[in-house]
Amino acid sequence: MKEIVNPFFIALLGLLISAACGKTENGNSAFEPLHSGYREILAYSGTDYNEPIKKIDSLQNQIRDYLKRFPKSEKRTEAERILTETKNMQLELQREQFEFSELEKKFNPNPTPNQADAEINEIKNFVRTYPRSPKRNRLTDKLDELNFIKFQDETAVALNSIPDINRVVQISNNYLGQIREKKLKDLVKDKITKTEGQRRAVYQNEFNLEATEMLKRMRWRAIEIAKKSHPFSKIESVKENVISGDLSIAVPGSITAVREYTVRMVGAIIGHNRYHVTVQARGIISGTLLNGVSADVTETVKVSDFRVN
């Protein structure tokens, strides 16, 4: 016997299948704005905490509504994942917002160099913990201010020698790489230019000091030689004669200075014998505008020693 299929049943079955397909189709299309909103939150690059927190609140409400409307959607698992992740993101942002407010309380309006150093460490620790913080630009500006305070302190030194100049230039170049704000960066560059502008004058001063000290040592060694020759005599006078080496002008390079010293002596214990001891001393002073000046006494030789009475 041939079974007769009820046409009404077939029509009803078709409607149910069509409705189910429509429900899935609508669920997929309704999920796209949610996923787009999620990507927008992930790409947030603003400077405020409240804006992304509000966006997360709104998205979470939309996802909850979506899950109620489409309980069997094939996107349900992904929607639940986004809901969980945004909850964690919201908690993280709220915790970060609180820690940032605590960090700001530690900032001094007019910090000393030591306080600036401590604040720099606090900021670095915060940025290390929250590398994508909405406040990273604000903290970068603050780091510039604090680094400039340290820069001013570390370069406030007297420029008495080439090493002093080199130290200031090196410190300035180091901070030049750390400071991003153009106005402060230009001030650091200006410091380098002005410091370099004093290099030749400082070299001249350093040269003069080293030359004076070297000539003192040369004279003193000549006197020592004379005393060893006549230990019981006393010094009456010391006359210096320039043999070679003009030390009046600081010329980068090497200069050999030769001086002859005539030491006049008189017997201090027995009689009044007088002696003239001639000693020749040699010294070398050398330097560059980059490395500074050094000097050394290289030789002292007795040339003559005779009694004058």
Foldseek 3Di string as FASTA:
>chain_A
DDDDDDPVVVVVVVVVVVVVVVLQVVLVVLCVVLVVLLVCLVPDQAQDLVVSLVSLVVSLVSLVVSCVSRVPHPCNVVSVVSNVVSVVVNVVSVVLVVVVVVLVVLDDPDDALVSLVVNLVVLVVSCVVVVRHSCVVVSLVSNLVSLLNNLVVQLPDDLQWLVNLVSNLVSLVVSLVSHDDPVSNVVSVVSNVVSLVCLVVNLLNLLVVQVVVQVVVQQVVQVVVVCVVPVQKDWDDKDKDWDDWDSNGDDAAKTKTKIKIWTWIFGDPPDTWIKTKIKIWIKMWHHDSNGGIHIDTDDIGTDDMDIPD
